[in-house]
Structures are given as C-alpha cells and as structure tokens.
N, C-alpha and C. Protein backbone atom coordinates (compact mmCIF):
# COMPACT_ATOMS: atom_id res chain seq x y z
N UNK A 1 79.35 -230.78 -49.42
CA UNK A 1 78.59 -231.92 -48.53
C UNK A 1 77.76 -231.05 -47.62
N UNK A 2 76.59 -231.57 -46.80
CA UNK A 2 75.55 -230.89 -46.35
C UNK A 2 75.50 -232.10 -45.22
N UNK A 3 75.20 -231.15 -43.95
CA UNK A 3 74.65 -232.08 -42.80
C UNK A 3 73.18 -231.96 -42.80
N UNK A 4 72.61 -232.89 -42.25
CA UNK A 4 71.19 -232.80 -42.19
C UNK A 4 70.52 -233.77 -41.18
N UNK A 5 69.30 -233.91 -41.07
CA UNK A 5 68.60 -234.61 -40.06
C UNK A 5 67.51 -235.29 -40.89
N UNK A 6 67.37 -236.74 -41.01
CA UNK A 6 66.39 -237.30 -41.74
C UNK A 6 64.66 -237.12 -41.14
N UNK A 7 63.89 -236.83 -41.70
CA UNK A 7 62.77 -236.28 -41.11
C UNK A 7 61.50 -237.50 -41.70
N UNK A 8 61.85 -238.15 -42.47
CA UNK A 8 60.77 -238.86 -43.26
C UNK A 8 61.43 -239.79 -44.20
N UNK A 9 60.32 -240.62 -44.68
CA UNK A 9 60.73 -241.68 -45.88
C UNK A 9 59.48 -241.15 -46.86
N UNK A 10 60.00 -241.50 -48.17
CA UNK A 10 59.07 -241.26 -49.25
C UNK A 10 58.82 -242.50 -49.88
N UNK A 11 57.42 -242.97 -50.18
CA UNK A 11 57.16 -244.22 -50.65
C UNK A 11 56.55 -244.08 -51.88
N UNK A 12 57.00 -244.71 -52.75
CA UNK A 12 56.62 -244.74 -54.25
C UNK A 12 56.15 -246.05 -54.82
N UNK A 13 55.07 -246.25 -55.37
CA UNK A 13 54.87 -247.44 -55.97
C UNK A 13 55.22 -247.65 -57.48
N UNK A 14 55.66 -246.41 -57.92
CA UNK A 14 56.11 -246.32 -59.47
C UNK A 14 57.26 -245.42 -59.51
N UNK A 15 58.34 -245.87 -60.09
CA UNK A 15 59.36 -245.24 -60.28
C UNK A 15 59.92 -245.38 -62.10
N UNK A 16 61.05 -244.54 -62.28
CA UNK A 16 61.74 -244.89 -63.51
C UNK A 16 62.55 -245.84 -63.56
N UNK A 17 62.64 -246.71 -64.36
CA UNK A 17 63.56 -247.94 -64.59
C UNK A 17 64.96 -247.42 -64.34
N UNK A 18 65.53 -246.27 -64.71
CA UNK A 18 66.90 -245.82 -64.36
C UNK A 18 66.93 -245.70 -62.74
N UNK A 19 66.14 -245.44 -61.90
CA UNK A 19 66.20 -245.16 -60.44
C UNK A 19 66.38 -246.41 -60.02
N UNK A 20 67.68 -246.76 -59.31
CA UNK A 20 67.76 -248.19 -58.44
C UNK A 20 66.93 -248.29 -57.20
N UNK A 21 66.61 -249.50 -57.06
CA UNK A 21 65.78 -250.08 -55.87
C UNK A 21 66.61 -249.27 -54.60
N UNK A 22 65.92 -248.95 -53.71
CA UNK A 22 66.43 -248.50 -52.51
C UNK A 22 65.51 -247.31 -51.95
N UNK A 23 65.66 -247.12 -50.53
CA UNK A 23 64.88 -245.89 -50.06
C UNK A 23 65.14 -244.72 -50.50
N UNK A 24 64.36 -243.60 -50.45
CA UNK A 24 64.50 -242.23 -50.54
C UNK A 24 63.74 -241.67 -49.08
N UNK A 25 64.70 -240.61 -48.58
CA UNK A 25 64.43 -240.22 -47.45
C UNK A 25 64.32 -238.85 -47.85
N UNK A 26 63.50 -238.09 -46.74
CA UNK A 26 63.25 -236.69 -46.81
C UNK A 26 64.21 -236.10 -45.87
N UNK A 27 65.09 -234.96 -45.86
CA UNK A 27 65.97 -234.65 -45.10
C UNK A 27 65.89 -233.04 -44.76
N UNK A 28 65.92 -232.50 -43.74
CA UNK A 28 66.10 -231.23 -43.16
C UNK A 28 67.63 -230.65 -43.09
N UNK A 29 68.15 -229.62 -43.90
CA UNK A 29 69.31 -229.15 -44.04
C UNK A 29 69.62 -228.56 -42.65
N UNK A 30 70.77 -228.88 -41.84
CA UNK A 30 70.88 -228.14 -40.79
C UNK A 30 71.37 -226.55 -41.00
N UNK A 31 70.94 -226.01 -40.00
CA UNK A 31 70.53 -224.43 -40.09
C UNK A 31 70.21 -223.83 -41.28
N UNK A 32 69.14 -224.26 -41.62
CA UNK A 32 68.46 -223.99 -42.91
C UNK A 32 66.97 -224.43 -42.56
N UNK A 33 66.01 -223.63 -43.57
CA UNK A 33 64.53 -224.31 -43.66
C UNK A 33 64.41 -225.11 -44.74
N UNK A 34 65.93 -225.41 -45.63
CA UNK A 34 65.36 -226.36 -46.97
C UNK A 34 65.39 -227.89 -46.24
N UNK A 35 64.77 -228.34 -47.11
CA UNK A 35 64.55 -229.81 -47.11
C UNK A 35 65.00 -230.22 -48.74
N UNK A 36 65.42 -231.62 -48.73
CA UNK A 36 65.28 -232.38 -50.06
C UNK A 36 65.08 -233.72 -49.84
N UNK A 37 65.23 -234.30 -50.85
CA UNK A 37 64.99 -235.85 -50.98
C UNK A 37 66.58 -236.46 -51.18
N UNK A 38 66.89 -237.68 -50.53
CA UNK A 38 68.08 -237.99 -50.84
C UNK A 38 67.85 -239.52 -50.77
N UNK A 39 68.67 -240.20 -51.96
CA UNK A 39 68.79 -241.69 -51.95
C UNK A 39 69.65 -242.18 -50.66
N UNK A 40 69.29 -243.25 -50.08
CA UNK A 40 69.79 -243.74 -48.65
C UNK A 40 70.41 -245.15 -48.97
N UNK A 41 71.65 -245.40 -49.38
CA UNK A 41 72.34 -246.46 -49.39
C UNK A 41 72.73 -247.31 -48.15
N UNK A 42 72.54 -246.71 -46.84
CA UNK A 42 73.25 -246.98 -45.78
C UNK A 42 71.94 -247.38 -44.67
N UNK A 43 70.61 -247.24 -45.05
CA UNK A 43 69.72 -247.60 -44.04
C UNK A 43 69.38 -246.91 -42.74
N UNK A 44 69.53 -245.38 -43.04
CA UNK A 44 69.15 -244.34 -42.12
C UNK A 44 67.84 -244.37 -41.58
N UNK A 45 67.54 -243.84 -40.23
CA UNK A 45 66.30 -243.80 -39.51
C UNK A 45 65.73 -242.54 -39.27
N UNK A 46 64.67 -242.32 -38.89
CA UNK A 46 64.13 -241.02 -38.51
C UNK A 46 65.09 -240.48 -37.44
N UNK A 47 65.39 -239.17 -37.51
CA UNK A 47 66.01 -238.39 -36.56
C UNK A 47 67.32 -238.56 -36.46
N UNK A 48 68.03 -239.57 -37.45
CA UNK A 48 69.38 -239.60 -37.44
C UNK A 48 70.12 -238.47 -38.15
N UNK A 49 71.23 -238.11 -37.73
CA UNK A 49 71.84 -236.84 -38.28
C UNK A 49 72.89 -237.77 -39.46
N UNK A 50 72.91 -236.85 -40.71
CA UNK A 50 73.66 -237.49 -41.91
C UNK A 50 74.58 -236.51 -42.64
N UNK A 51 75.40 -237.15 -43.60
CA UNK A 51 76.18 -236.36 -44.50
C UNK A 51 75.29 -236.77 -45.71
N UNK A 52 75.10 -235.53 -46.60
CA UNK A 52 75.03 -235.39 -47.98
C UNK A 52 75.71 -235.13 -49.04
N UNK A 53 76.14 -235.88 -50.16
CA UNK A 53 76.59 -235.39 -51.24
C UNK A 53 75.50 -235.11 -52.24
N UNK A 54 75.90 -234.10 -52.98
CA UNK A 54 74.94 -233.58 -53.83
C UNK A 54 75.38 -233.40 -55.33
N UNK A 55 74.55 -233.11 -56.35
CA UNK A 55 75.14 -233.03 -57.77
C UNK A 55 75.74 -234.23 -58.35
N UNK A 56 76.61 -233.93 -59.35
CA UNK A 56 77.48 -235.00 -60.17
C UNK A 56 78.22 -235.77 -59.14
N UNK A 57 78.40 -235.64 -58.03
CA UNK A 57 79.33 -236.50 -57.01
C UNK A 57 78.34 -237.52 -56.74
N UNK A 58 77.15 -237.16 -56.26
CA UNK A 58 76.02 -238.08 -55.85
C UNK A 58 75.82 -239.13 -57.23
N UNK A 59 75.60 -238.47 -58.03
CA UNK A 59 75.11 -239.49 -59.30
C UNK A 59 76.19 -240.27 -59.58
N UNK A 60 77.44 -239.80 -59.45
CA UNK A 60 78.65 -240.39 -59.99
C UNK A 60 79.15 -241.79 -58.98
N UNK A 61 78.34 -241.75 -57.60
CA UNK A 61 78.58 -242.99 -56.90
C UNK A 61 77.97 -244.12 -57.52
N UNK A 62 77.21 -244.11 -58.42
CA UNK A 62 76.43 -245.43 -59.07
C UNK A 62 77.20 -246.17 -60.14
N UNK A 63 77.46 -247.14 -60.17
CA UNK A 63 77.80 -247.82 -61.44
C UNK A 63 77.15 -247.67 -62.66
N UNK A 64 77.68 -247.69 -63.57
CA UNK A 64 77.21 -247.86 -65.00
C UNK A 64 76.67 -246.21 -65.20
N UNK A 65 75.57 -246.30 -66.13
CA UNK A 65 75.01 -244.84 -66.70
C UNK A 65 74.43 -244.12 -65.22
N UNK A 66 74.66 -243.09 -65.03
CA UNK A 66 74.48 -242.48 -63.78
C UNK A 66 72.77 -241.96 -63.75
N UNK A 67 72.20 -242.49 -62.76
CA UNK A 67 70.78 -242.29 -62.67
C UNK A 67 70.45 -241.13 -62.21
N UNK A 68 69.04 -240.61 -62.56
CA UNK A 68 68.69 -239.11 -61.96
C UNK A 68 68.47 -238.74 -60.58
N UNK A 69 69.69 -238.87 -59.99
CA UNK A 69 69.82 -238.84 -58.46
C UNK A 69 70.70 -237.70 -58.14
N UNK A 70 70.45 -236.67 -57.51
CA UNK A 70 71.45 -235.48 -57.39
C UNK A 70 71.91 -235.51 -55.93
N UNK A 71 71.23 -236.02 -54.95
CA UNK A 71 71.31 -236.23 -53.59
C UNK A 71 71.67 -237.60 -52.91
N UNK A 72 72.55 -238.14 -52.28
CA UNK A 72 72.90 -239.06 -51.67
C UNK A 72 73.44 -239.02 -50.26
N UNK A 73 72.97 -239.91 -49.36
CA UNK A 73 73.47 -240.09 -48.14
C UNK A 73 74.71 -240.57 -48.14
N UNK A 74 75.87 -240.21 -47.83
CA UNK A 74 77.02 -240.76 -47.63
C UNK A 74 77.65 -240.97 -46.16
N UNK A 75 76.99 -240.70 -45.24
CA UNK A 75 77.41 -241.06 -43.92
C UNK A 75 76.45 -240.65 -42.60
N UNK A 76 76.67 -241.43 -41.94
CA UNK A 76 75.68 -241.17 -40.50
C UNK A 76 76.82 -240.53 -39.60
N UNK A 77 76.19 -239.33 -38.97
CA UNK A 77 77.04 -238.61 -37.80
C UNK A 77 76.76 -239.37 -36.49
N UNK A 78 77.67 -239.67 -35.81
CA UNK A 78 77.30 -240.26 -34.62
C UNK A 78 77.29 -239.46 -33.60
N UNK A 79 78.23 -238.22 -33.42
CA UNK A 79 78.31 -237.34 -32.76
C UNK A 79 78.95 -236.11 -33.26
N UNK A 80 78.47 -235.01 -32.67
CA UNK A 80 79.17 -233.64 -32.87
C UNK A 80 80.62 -233.75 -32.58
N UNK A 81 81.41 -233.14 -33.48
CA UNK A 81 83.04 -232.90 -33.20
C UNK A 81 82.58 -231.63 -32.27
N UNK A 82 83.93 -231.69 -31.25
CA UNK A 82 84.13 -230.31 -30.47
C UNK A 82 85.31 -230.00 -30.79
N UNK A 83 85.29 -228.31 -30.96
CA UNK A 83 86.77 -227.71 -30.92
C UNK A 83 87.44 -227.94 -29.64
N UNK A 84 88.85 -227.97 -29.96
CA UNK A 84 89.78 -227.95 -28.46
C UNK A 84 90.60 -226.69 -28.74
N UNK A 85 91.04 -226.01 -28.03
CA UNK A 85 92.00 -224.95 -28.20
C UNK A 85 93.40 -225.55 -27.92
C-alpha cells in the first residue's frame, strides 16, 4: 500500500468497456516524485491524503472479470498517526 495526496482529476470522454464508470484521480506518492492514476470509489477530493492499493489487489476488488485497473484508492487518511513511547 502507498500513501499519497490527490493532486487532480483525469477527465476522459472515451474509455474501454471493461473499465467501470467512476472517477480516476492523479495522486502524488508520499516522499517521492512519482505520480500515478488511481480509480476512486470513495469520492476523494483535491489535497486529500489517501491510501492506494496497487497491482492484482486493486484489480481483485472489482466483481466479475478484473478490469485493466492497477491502482485503487482504498482509504482516506483523516490525520497522521503519532508514535508514543
């Protein structure tokens, strides 16, 4: 799993029939210069901190035949956890 921040939305007027309807967001991976596109079933917004599942775990979330999606937003981070000694 990855922690990331939503930095934008991807708009598409055409998509494969195998890709379910729903938003695709661009996210910036925490502590990295990497960005990726992730399917968003939660309705997240710009600037929101999220948890991303990737690979077959992401595709396996969908019922039936797995769509060609390999990044899925699975959680919204409300606040950072702090360590206690």
